[in-house]
Amino acid sequence: MSINWGPHFIVPSETLKTFSGRALLRETFDEDLLKKELKELGYEGNPIRATNPWYCRKKGAETWIKIGESAEKKDNFAVSWDTTGLENGEYQVLGLAYVD
């Protein structure tokens, strides 16, 4: 069974005003917090794996587009994102964590 252990809210981060190129998206993983939240939901045991897909959308758009996905905890779920093909404007990026 896959549980969405993603963010309950989006936290704004420092914003680049001008950027075109390759970005490396990463997210840290708090195992203790995960175990606590799973226990509160009534799940026992240790998760088998964690996966972190990354999405983006132009600010104000309704649809999220998948950038990539990583299951590499040791690399902080890093995904490379080439932004050179994007139309100029403001974008939002979202990383979600799923555990099995």
N, C-alpha and C. Protein backbone atom coordinates (compact mmCIF):
# COMPACT_ATOMS: atom_id res chain seq x y z
N MET A 1 0.84 -1.18 0.00
CA MET A 1 0.00 0.00 0.00
C MET A 1 0.88 1.24 0.00
N SER A 2 0.59 2.16 -0.84
CA SER A 2 1.38 3.39 -0.95
C SER A 2 0.68 4.50 -0.16
N ILE A 3 1.43 5.16 0.70
CA ILE A 3 0.90 6.24 1.53
C ILE A 3 1.50 7.55 1.04
N ASN A 4 0.68 8.57 0.87
CA ASN A 4 1.18 9.88 0.49
C ASN A 4 1.67 10.57 1.76
N TRP A 5 2.96 10.62 1.94
CA TRP A 5 3.55 11.27 3.10
C TRP A 5 4.14 12.61 2.68
N GLY A 6 3.57 13.18 1.64
CA GLY A 6 4.05 14.44 1.10
C GLY A 6 3.74 15.61 2.00
N PRO A 7 4.10 16.78 1.56
CA PRO A 7 3.90 17.97 2.40
C PRO A 7 2.42 18.28 2.62
N HIS A 8 2.11 18.76 3.80
CA HIS A 8 0.75 19.19 4.10
C HIS A 8 0.55 20.63 3.64
N PHE A 9 1.63 21.30 3.32
CA PHE A 9 1.57 22.67 2.82
C PHE A 9 2.85 22.93 2.04
N ILE A 10 2.84 23.94 1.21
CA ILE A 10 4.02 24.28 0.42
C ILE A 10 4.73 25.43 1.11
N VAL A 11 6.01 25.25 1.36
CA VAL A 11 6.82 26.28 2.01
C VAL A 11 7.59 27.04 0.94
N PRO A 12 7.40 28.35 0.84
CA PRO A 12 8.16 29.10 -0.16
C PRO A 12 9.66 29.05 0.14
N SER A 13 10.45 28.96 -0.88
CA SER A 13 11.90 28.98 -0.69
C SER A 13 12.46 30.19 -1.41
N GLU A 14 13.76 30.40 -1.21
CA GLU A 14 14.42 31.52 -1.86
C GLU A 14 14.23 31.39 -3.37
N THR A 15 13.87 32.47 -4.01
CA THR A 15 13.52 32.43 -5.42
C THR A 15 14.60 33.05 -6.28
N LEU A 16 14.89 32.37 -7.39
CA LEU A 16 15.76 32.97 -8.39
C LEU A 16 14.90 33.84 -9.28
N LYS A 17 15.32 35.04 -9.55
CA LYS A 17 14.54 35.95 -10.40
C LYS A 17 14.80 35.68 -11.88
N THR A 18 16.02 35.29 -12.20
CA THR A 18 16.37 34.99 -13.58
C THR A 18 17.19 33.72 -13.60
N PHE A 19 16.73 32.74 -14.36
CA PHE A 19 17.47 31.48 -14.43
C PHE A 19 17.06 30.74 -15.69
N SER A 20 18.03 30.20 -16.36
CA SER A 20 17.78 29.33 -17.50
C SER A 20 18.94 28.35 -17.54
N GLY A 21 18.63 27.09 -17.43
CA GLY A 21 19.67 26.08 -17.42
C GLY A 21 19.22 24.85 -16.68
N ARG A 22 20.18 24.14 -16.15
CA ARG A 22 19.90 22.89 -15.45
C ARG A 22 19.91 23.15 -13.94
N ALA A 23 18.85 22.70 -13.27
CA ALA A 23 18.75 22.83 -11.81
C ALA A 23 18.70 21.43 -11.21
N LEU A 24 19.25 21.26 -10.01
CA LEU A 24 19.20 19.99 -9.30
C LEU A 24 18.22 20.15 -8.14
N LEU A 25 17.09 19.45 -8.22
CA LEU A 25 16.07 19.51 -7.17
C LEU A 25 16.38 18.43 -6.14
N ARG A 26 16.34 18.80 -4.86
CA ARG A 26 16.64 17.84 -3.77
C ARG A 26 15.72 18.12 -2.59
N GLU A 27 15.49 17.06 -1.81
CA GLU A 27 14.67 17.20 -0.60
C GLU A 27 15.20 16.25 0.47
N THR A 28 15.37 16.77 1.68
CA THR A 28 15.83 15.91 2.77
C THR A 28 14.69 15.04 3.28
N PHE A 29 15.03 13.95 3.94
CA PHE A 29 14.06 12.96 4.39
C PHE A 29 14.21 12.77 5.89
N ASP A 30 13.18 13.07 6.66
CA ASP A 30 13.21 12.95 8.12
C ASP A 30 12.57 11.63 8.52
N GLU A 31 13.40 10.60 8.73
CA GLU A 31 12.90 9.26 9.04
C GLU A 31 12.14 9.22 10.37
N ASP A 32 12.62 9.97 11.36
CA ASP A 32 11.94 9.96 12.66
C ASP A 32 10.53 10.55 12.55
N LEU A 33 10.39 11.64 11.81
CA LEU A 33 9.08 12.25 11.61
C LEU A 33 8.16 11.31 10.84
N LEU A 34 8.70 10.64 9.83
CA LEU A 34 7.92 9.68 9.06
C LEU A 34 7.39 8.57 9.96
N LYS A 35 8.26 7.97 10.79
CA LYS A 35 7.84 6.89 11.69
C LYS A 35 6.76 7.37 12.66
N LYS A 36 6.93 8.58 13.18
CA LYS A 36 5.94 9.15 14.11
C LYS A 36 4.58 9.30 13.42
N GLU A 37 4.58 9.88 12.21
CA GLU A 37 3.31 10.10 11.50
C GLU A 37 2.66 8.79 11.08
N LEU A 38 3.46 7.81 10.67
CA LEU A 38 2.89 6.51 10.30
C LEU A 38 2.27 5.84 11.53
N LYS A 39 2.93 5.95 12.67
CA LYS A 39 2.39 5.37 13.91
C LYS A 39 1.07 6.03 14.28
N GLU A 40 0.98 7.36 14.14
CA GLU A 40 -0.26 8.08 14.42
C GLU A 40 -1.40 7.64 13.49
N LEU A 41 -1.03 7.19 12.27
CA LEU A 41 -2.03 6.70 11.32
C LEU A 41 -2.36 5.22 11.53
N GLY A 42 -1.68 4.59 12.50
CA GLY A 42 -1.96 3.19 12.81
C GLY A 42 -1.13 2.19 12.04
N TYR A 43 -0.03 2.63 11.42
CA TYR A 43 0.84 1.73 10.66
C TYR A 43 2.06 1.39 11.49
N GLU A 44 2.37 0.10 11.56
CA GLU A 44 3.54 -0.36 12.30
C GLU A 44 4.60 -0.85 11.33
N GLY A 45 5.83 -0.98 11.78
CA GLY A 45 6.91 -1.48 10.95
C GLY A 45 7.65 -0.37 10.24
N ASN A 46 8.62 -0.81 9.45
CA ASN A 46 9.46 0.15 8.74
C ASN A 46 9.05 0.20 7.27
N PRO A 47 9.08 1.37 6.68
CA PRO A 47 8.78 1.48 5.25
C PRO A 47 9.81 0.70 4.43
N ILE A 48 9.38 0.15 3.31
CA ILE A 48 10.27 -0.59 2.42
C ILE A 48 11.08 0.37 1.56
N ARG A 49 10.43 1.39 1.05
CA ARG A 49 11.11 2.36 0.19
C ARG A 49 10.37 3.69 0.22
N ALA A 50 11.07 4.71 -0.24
CA ALA A 50 10.48 6.04 -0.39
C ALA A 50 10.77 6.52 -1.81
N THR A 51 9.81 7.20 -2.39
CA THR A 51 9.95 7.75 -3.73
C THR A 51 9.51 9.21 -3.70
N ASN A 52 10.22 10.04 -4.42
CA ASN A 52 9.90 11.47 -4.43
C ASN A 52 9.75 11.95 -5.88
N PRO A 53 8.51 12.10 -6.36
CA PRO A 53 8.32 12.71 -7.68
C PRO A 53 8.34 14.23 -7.56
N TRP A 54 8.80 14.90 -8.61
CA TRP A 54 8.88 16.35 -8.67
C TRP A 54 7.97 16.87 -9.77
N TYR A 55 7.26 17.96 -9.50
CA TYR A 55 6.32 18.56 -10.45
C TYR A 55 6.58 20.06 -10.55
N CYS A 56 6.17 20.65 -11.67
CA CYS A 56 6.24 22.10 -11.80
C CYS A 56 4.98 22.59 -12.52
N ARG A 57 4.72 23.86 -12.35
CA ARG A 57 3.64 24.51 -13.11
C ARG A 57 3.97 25.99 -13.19
N LYS A 58 3.49 26.60 -14.26
CA LYS A 58 3.64 28.04 -14.38
C LYS A 58 2.74 28.66 -13.31
N LYS A 59 3.22 29.67 -12.63
CA LYS A 59 2.45 30.29 -11.55
C LYS A 59 1.07 30.70 -12.06
N GLY A 60 0.05 30.27 -11.32
CA GLY A 60 -1.33 30.58 -11.69
C GLY A 60 -2.00 29.47 -12.49
N ALA A 61 -1.23 28.52 -13.01
CA ALA A 61 -1.80 27.41 -13.79
C ALA A 61 -2.43 26.39 -12.84
N GLU A 62 -3.35 25.61 -13.33
CA GLU A 62 -4.01 24.60 -12.51
C GLU A 62 -3.34 23.23 -12.62
N THR A 63 -2.61 22.99 -13.71
CA THR A 63 -2.06 21.67 -13.98
C THR A 63 -0.58 21.59 -13.61
N TRP A 64 -0.23 20.54 -12.88
CA TRP A 64 1.15 20.26 -12.54
C TRP A 64 1.72 19.31 -13.60
N ILE A 65 2.98 19.52 -14.00
CA ILE A 65 3.66 18.67 -14.97
C ILE A 65 4.81 17.97 -14.26
N LYS A 66 4.90 16.66 -14.45
CA LYS A 66 5.95 15.90 -13.78
C LYS A 66 7.31 16.18 -14.42
N ILE A 67 8.29 16.53 -13.56
CA ILE A 67 9.65 16.79 -13.99
C ILE A 67 10.44 15.49 -14.00
N GLY A 68 10.28 14.72 -12.94
CA GLY A 68 11.03 13.48 -12.79
C GLY A 68 10.74 12.87 -11.43
N GLU A 69 11.42 11.77 -11.12
CA GLU A 69 11.17 11.04 -9.88
C GLU A 69 12.46 10.38 -9.44
N SER A 70 12.64 10.29 -8.12
CA SER A 70 13.82 9.64 -7.57
C SER A 70 13.46 8.83 -6.33
N ALA A 71 14.16 7.70 -6.17
CA ALA A 71 14.01 6.89 -4.97
C ALA A 71 15.35 6.80 -4.24
N GLU A 72 16.28 7.67 -4.57
CA GLU A 72 17.62 7.65 -3.99
C GLU A 72 17.70 8.54 -2.76
N LYS A 73 17.42 7.94 -1.60
CA LYS A 73 17.46 8.68 -0.34
C LYS A 73 18.84 9.27 -0.08
N LYS A 74 19.88 8.50 -0.38
CA LYS A 74 21.25 8.95 -0.10
C LYS A 74 21.62 10.20 -0.89
N ASP A 75 20.95 10.43 -2.01
CA ASP A 75 21.19 11.63 -2.82
C ASP A 75 20.13 12.70 -2.61
N ASN A 76 19.34 12.58 -1.54
CA ASN A 76 18.26 13.52 -1.22
C ASN A 76 17.24 13.62 -2.36
N PHE A 77 16.96 12.46 -2.98
CA PHE A 77 15.94 12.35 -4.03
C PHE A 77 16.20 13.33 -5.17
N ALA A 78 17.47 13.50 -5.52
CA ALA A 78 17.86 14.49 -6.53
C ALA A 78 17.31 14.15 -7.92
N VAL A 79 16.79 15.18 -8.57
CA VAL A 79 16.33 15.10 -9.96
C VAL A 79 16.85 16.32 -10.69
N SER A 80 17.48 16.09 -11.83
CA SER A 80 17.98 17.18 -12.66
C SER A 80 16.85 17.71 -13.52
N TRP A 81 16.75 19.04 -13.63
CA TRP A 81 15.66 19.69 -14.37
C TRP A 81 16.26 20.71 -15.33
N ASP A 82 16.04 20.50 -16.61
CA ASP A 82 16.53 21.42 -17.62
C ASP A 82 15.43 22.45 -17.91
N THR A 83 15.67 23.69 -17.54
CA THR A 83 14.65 24.74 -17.66
C THR A 83 14.80 25.56 -18.94
N THR A 84 15.77 25.22 -19.79
CA THR A 84 16.02 26.06 -20.97
C THR A 84 14.84 26.10 -21.93
N GLY A 85 13.99 25.09 -21.96
CA GLY A 85 12.86 25.07 -22.89
C GLY A 85 11.60 25.72 -22.35
N LEU A 86 11.64 26.21 -21.13
CA LEU A 86 10.45 26.82 -20.53
C LEU A 86 10.23 28.24 -21.04
N GLU A 87 8.96 28.59 -21.15
CA GLU A 87 8.59 29.96 -21.48
C GLU A 87 8.97 30.85 -20.31
N ASN A 88 9.39 32.08 -20.57
CA ASN A 88 9.72 33.01 -19.49
C ASN A 88 8.52 33.21 -18.58
N GLY A 89 8.77 33.35 -17.29
CA GLY A 89 7.71 33.57 -16.32
C GLY A 89 8.06 32.98 -14.98
N GLU A 90 7.10 33.01 -14.07
CA GLU A 90 7.30 32.47 -12.73
C GLU A 90 6.73 31.06 -12.68
N TYR A 91 7.47 30.17 -12.01
CA TYR A 91 7.07 28.76 -11.91
C TYR A 91 7.08 28.33 -10.45
N GLN A 92 6.28 27.33 -10.14
CA GLN A 92 6.25 26.70 -8.83
C GLN A 92 6.74 25.26 -8.99
N VAL A 93 7.50 24.79 -8.00
CA VAL A 93 8.02 23.43 -8.02
C VAL A 93 7.52 22.73 -6.76
N LEU A 94 7.10 21.48 -6.91
CA LEU A 94 6.55 20.71 -5.80
C LEU A 94 7.20 19.33 -5.79
N GLY A 95 7.70 18.93 -4.62
CA GLY A 95 8.21 17.58 -4.42
C GLY A 95 7.31 16.88 -3.43
N LEU A 96 6.91 15.65 -3.74
CA LEU A 96 6.05 14.86 -2.85
C LEU A 96 6.79 13.60 -2.43
N ALA A 97 6.56 13.12 -1.25
CA ALA A 97 7.20 11.88 -0.79
C ALA A 97 6.12 10.81 -0.65
N TYR A 98 6.40 9.64 -1.23
CA TYR A 98 5.51 8.48 -1.09
C TYR A 98 6.32 7.36 -0.46
N VAL A 99 5.74 6.65 0.47
CA VAL A 99 6.43 5.51 1.08
C VAL A 99 5.58 4.26 0.95
N ASP A 100 6.27 3.15 0.79
CA ASP A 100 5.64 1.83 0.75
C ASP A 100 6.12 1.02 1.93
